[in-house]
Protein backbone atom coordinates (compact mmCIF):
# COMPACT_ATOMS: atom_id res chain seq x y z
CA UNK A 1 -153.31 141.51 117.34
CA UNK A 2 -151.24 141.14 114.19
CA UNK A 3 -147.57 140.44 113.52
CA UNK A 4 -146.25 142.17 110.39
CA UNK A 5 -143.46 140.31 108.58
CA UNK A 6 -141.40 142.07 105.91
CA UNK A 7 -138.83 139.93 104.03
CA UNK A 8 -136.09 142.22 102.74
CA UNK A 9 -133.01 142.03 100.54
CA UNK A 10 -131.19 145.28 99.77
CA UNK A 11 -134.27 147.48 100.21
CA UNK A 12 -132.72 150.52 101.90
CA UNK A 13 -134.64 152.94 99.68
CA UNK A 14 -138.12 151.78 100.68
CA UNK A 15 -137.82 149.87 103.95
CA UNK A 16 -138.34 152.90 106.21
CA UNK A 17 -141.62 153.80 104.51
CA UNK A 18 -142.93 150.23 104.73
CA UNK A 19 -142.01 149.84 108.41
CA UNK A 20 -143.36 153.28 109.31
CA UNK A 21 -146.67 152.48 107.63
CA UNK A 22 -147.23 149.72 110.19
CA UNK A 23 -145.83 151.21 113.39
CA UNK A 24 -148.67 152.54 115.52
CA UNK A 25 -151.50 150.76 113.72
CA UNK A 26 -154.00 149.80 116.46
CA UNK A 27 -154.11 146.14 115.41
CA UNK A 28 -150.35 145.69 114.93
CA UNK A 29 -148.29 144.70 117.95
CA UNK A 30 -144.98 143.93 116.23
CA UNK A 31 -143.19 144.60 112.97
CA UNK A 32 -140.54 142.06 112.00
CA UNK A 33 -138.09 142.71 109.17
CA UNK A 34 -136.25 139.57 108.09
CA UNK A 35 -133.03 140.58 106.40
CA UNK A 36 -132.07 137.98 103.78
CA UNK A 37 -128.40 138.89 103.42
CA UNK A 38 -128.57 142.58 102.49
CA UNK A 39 -125.36 144.36 101.56
CA UNK A 40 -126.75 147.87 101.97
CA UNK A 41 -128.24 149.85 104.88
CA UNK A 42 -131.51 147.89 105.05
CA UNK A 43 -130.85 146.55 108.56
CA UNK A 44 -129.80 149.89 110.05
CA UNK A 45 -132.72 151.80 108.52
CA UNK A 46 -135.31 149.18 109.47
CA UNK A 47 -134.03 149.17 113.04
CA UNK A 48 -134.10 152.96 113.24
CA UNK A 49 -137.68 152.94 111.93
CA UNK A 50 -138.76 150.74 114.85
CA UNK A 51 -138.75 147.21 113.44
CA UNK A 52 -137.50 144.10 115.15
CA UNK A 53 -134.85 142.91 112.68
CA UNK A 54 -133.87 139.28 112.20
CA UNK A 55 -130.66 138.81 110.21
CA UNK A 56 -130.36 135.53 108.37
CA UNK A 57 -126.79 134.17 108.17
CA UNK A 58 -127.02 133.83 104.40
CA UNK A 59 -129.41 134.50 101.54
CA UNK A 60 -132.10 131.82 101.60
CA UNK A 61 -134.77 133.32 99.36
CA UNK A 62 -138.14 134.90 100.05
CA UNK A 63 -139.79 131.75 101.41
CA UNK A 64 -137.01 131.17 103.93
CA UNK A 65 -137.23 134.77 105.12
CA UNK A 66 -140.99 134.49 105.52
CA UNK A 67 -140.59 131.27 107.51
CA UNK A 68 -138.06 132.87 109.85
CA UNK A 69 -140.51 135.69 110.47
CA UNK A 70 -143.45 133.39 111.16
CA UNK A 71 -141.32 131.33 113.54
CA UNK A 72 -140.54 134.47 115.56
CA UNK A 73 -144.02 136.01 115.42
CA UNK A 74 -146.00 136.22 118.66
CA UNK A 75 -149.49 136.51 117.16
CA UNK A 76 -151.84 134.12 115.38
CA UNK A 77 -152.57 136.55 112.54
CA UNK A 78 -149.70 137.38 110.20
CA UNK A 79 -149.48 140.21 107.68
CA UNK A 80 -146.82 139.80 105.01
CA UNK A 81 -145.66 142.95 103.24
CA UNK A 82 -143.11 143.29 100.45
CA UNK A 83 -140.21 145.55 101.34
CA UNK A 84 -140.23 147.36 98.00
CA UNK A 85 -143.71 148.87 98.07
CA UNK A 86 -144.65 152.51 98.39
CA UNK A 87 -147.87 154.29 99.27
CA UNK A 88 -149.38 151.80 101.74
CA UNK A 89 -151.44 153.37 104.53
CA UNK A 90 -153.11 152.41 107.81
CA UNK A 91 -156.38 152.16 105.90
CA UNK A 92 -154.84 149.74 103.39
CA UNK A 93 -153.48 147.58 106.19
CA UNK A 94 -156.90 147.46 107.82
CA UNK A 95 -158.46 146.42 104.49
CA UNK A 96 -156.14 143.42 104.33
CA UNK A 97 -156.10 142.23 107.94
CA UNK A 98 -159.69 142.77 109.08
CA UNK A 99 -161.25 139.89 107.07
CA UNK A 100 -158.77 137.51 108.74
CA UNK A 101 -159.04 139.04 112.22
CA UNK A 102 -162.83 138.78 111.99
CA UNK A 103 -162.69 135.11 111.02
CA UNK A 104 -164.08 135.53 107.50
CA UNK A 105 -161.10 134.01 105.67
CA UNK A 106 -157.94 132.04 106.34
CA UNK A 107 -156.11 134.38 103.97
CA UNK A 108 -156.90 137.76 102.47
CA UNK A 109 -154.76 139.46 99.81
CA UNK A 110 -154.47 143.11 98.88
CA UNK A 111 -153.62 143.34 95.19
CA UNK A 112 -152.15 146.52 93.77
CA UNK A 113 -154.74 148.14 91.52
CA UNK A 114 -153.51 148.88 88.00
CA UNK A 115 -154.30 152.12 86.18
CA UNK A 116 -155.52 150.14 83.15
CA UNK A 117 -158.92 148.64 83.99
CA UNK A 118 -158.35 145.66 81.67
CA UNK A 119 -155.32 144.61 83.74
CA UNK A 120 -157.43 144.61 86.91
CA UNK A 121 -159.81 142.14 85.26
CA UNK A 122 -156.86 139.90 84.41
CA UNK A 123 -155.94 139.80 88.11
CA UNK A 124 -159.08 137.73 88.65
CA UNK A 125 -157.84 135.10 86.20
CA UNK A 126 -154.11 134.77 86.77
CA UNK A 127 -152.43 133.42 89.94
CA UNK A 128 -152.59 135.84 92.88
CA UNK A 129 -148.96 136.60 93.67
CA UNK A 130 -149.22 139.84 95.60
CA UNK A 131 -146.95 140.04 98.63
CA UNK A 132 -149.45 141.98 100.73
CA UNK A 133 -151.45 139.23 102.40
CA UNK A 134 -152.84 138.41 105.83
CA UNK A 135 -153.07 134.79 106.99
CA UNK A 136 -153.77 132.75 110.09
CA UNK A 137 -150.49 131.31 111.33
CA UNK A 138 -151.80 127.74 111.16
CA UNK A 139 -152.11 128.09 107.38
CA UNK A 140 -148.38 128.65 107.08
CA UNK A 141 -147.58 125.42 108.88
CA UNK A 142 -150.11 123.53 106.74
CA UNK A 143 -147.90 124.11 103.70
CA UNK A 144 -145.32 121.35 103.10
CA UNK A 145 -141.80 122.68 103.64
CA UNK A 146 -140.81 121.91 100.03
CA UNK A 147 -143.27 124.56 98.85
CA UNK A 148 -142.14 127.24 101.29
CA UNK A 149 -139.26 128.41 99.12
CA UNK A 150 -138.54 131.35 96.83
CA UNK A 151 -141.59 132.60 94.93
CA UNK A 152 -143.35 129.24 95.08
CA UNK A 153 -144.65 130.15 98.50
CA UNK A 154 -147.30 132.61 97.32
CA UNK A 155 -148.95 130.13 94.96
CA UNK A 156 -148.73 127.50 97.70
CA UNK A 157 -150.50 129.84 100.11
CA UNK A 158 -153.26 130.32 97.53
CA UNK A 159 -153.67 126.59 97.01
CA UNK A 160 -153.65 125.46 100.62
CA UNK A 161 -155.82 128.33 101.84
CA UNK A 162 -158.51 127.09 99.44
CA UNK A 163 -158.39 123.71 101.21
CA UNK A 164 -159.39 125.31 104.53
CA UNK A 165 -163.04 125.80 105.57
CA UNK A 166 -162.73 129.59 105.42
CA UNK A 167 -160.80 129.78 102.15
CA UNK A 168 -159.29 132.97 100.76
CA UNK A 169 -160.31 136.17 99.04
CA UNK A 170 -158.73 139.40 97.75
CA UNK A 171 -159.42 143.03 97.01
CA UNK A 172 -157.85 145.68 94.78
CA UNK A 173 -156.10 148.49 96.62
CA UNK A 174 -155.48 151.92 95.13
CA UNK A 175 -152.29 153.88 95.63
CA UNK A 176 -149.79 151.10 96.30
CA UNK A 177 -146.85 150.74 93.93
CA UNK A 178 -143.64 148.74 93.98
CA UNK A 179 -140.16 149.25 92.64
CA UNK A 180 -139.59 146.92 89.71
CA UNK A 181 -136.70 144.47 89.64
CA UNK A 182 -135.36 146.13 86.51
CA UNK A 183 -135.20 149.49 88.28
CA UNK A 184 -133.52 148.04 91.38
CA UNK A 185 -130.99 145.76 89.73
CA UNK A 186 -130.68 146.99 86.16
CA UNK A 187 -132.29 145.69 82.98
CA UNK A 188 -130.31 142.46 82.57
CA UNK A 189 -130.18 141.32 86.20
CA UNK A 190 -133.72 142.47 86.88
CA UNK A 191 -135.10 140.67 83.84
CA UNK A 192 -133.19 137.51 84.77
CA UNK A 193 -134.66 137.56 88.26
CA UNK A 194 -138.12 138.09 86.79
CA UNK A 195 -137.69 135.04 84.57
CA UNK A 196 -136.76 132.89 87.58
CA UNK A 197 -139.77 134.26 89.47
CA UNK A 198 -142.13 133.38 86.62
CA UNK A 199 -140.58 129.91 86.37
CA UNK A 200 -141.18 129.35 90.10
CA UNK A 201 -144.80 130.41 89.73
CA UNK A 202 -145.47 128.28 86.66
CA UNK A 203 -143.75 125.18 88.01
CA UNK A 204 -145.58 125.11 91.33
CA UNK A 205 -148.89 126.02 89.66
CA UNK A 206 -148.47 122.99 87.38
CA UNK A 207 -147.51 120.75 90.31
CA UNK A 208 -150.34 121.77 92.62
CA UNK A 209 -153.19 122.46 90.23
CA UNK A 210 -152.59 120.28 87.17
CA UNK A 211 -150.84 117.26 88.66
CA UNK A 212 -152.94 117.62 91.81
CA UNK A 213 -156.12 117.49 89.73
CA UNK A 214 -155.11 114.26 88.01
CA UNK A 215 -154.00 112.80 91.33
CA UNK A 216 -157.47 113.40 92.78
CA UNK A 217 -159.08 111.73 89.77
CA UNK A 218 -156.76 108.73 90.07
CA UNK A 219 -157.43 108.34 93.80
CA UNK A 220 -161.18 108.63 93.25
CA UNK A 221 -161.06 105.67 90.86
CA UNK A 222 -158.40 103.68 92.69
CA UNK A 223 -158.81 104.50 96.38
CA UNK A 224 -156.15 103.28 98.73
CA UNK A 225 -157.01 100.11 100.61
């Protein structure tokens, strides 16, 4: 069985749809919404929709909310979903979780398909940062705590899943959309948050992939005694 974890911050407009899309799925035994300091009706609406809601005492960022959810989860397979998506179905959920349930991969990601075909090709080149991903719980605890923060966590999941014997994979999923930061928070605030997100992604990508590459080369030439 699968534990669904939905980190949420002020997502009253979409949280009911996301929770409802999971409730009743034959492979899902619990839906956990981790409220990261919302000031709107996110908690009340998630609870009414049937989720088990964990309220964090203060805003700790996406990684902290995900960690709180994993710590409370009862199952060994975790499905993370963003709280601001629309259009996800039972079929989509099955597409994401089945490769992990069946032991094919340590992590499997469902990327939102773009209408422009060229953009879908780019998804195979750039870092996979989609929030809709299934993992084995042990993968989460294999990530050093310093990388389980903010938006760094998704790149860290990519990196450390590739170090496991089963690795990771992804698929493109039609019909899923998400509410942009600019639409939720306004142009200025939304753009500012997007800049911080991109900085998180670039900084951890450099640390893990670039510096990590040179570290491996150094250790191969100067192994520890």
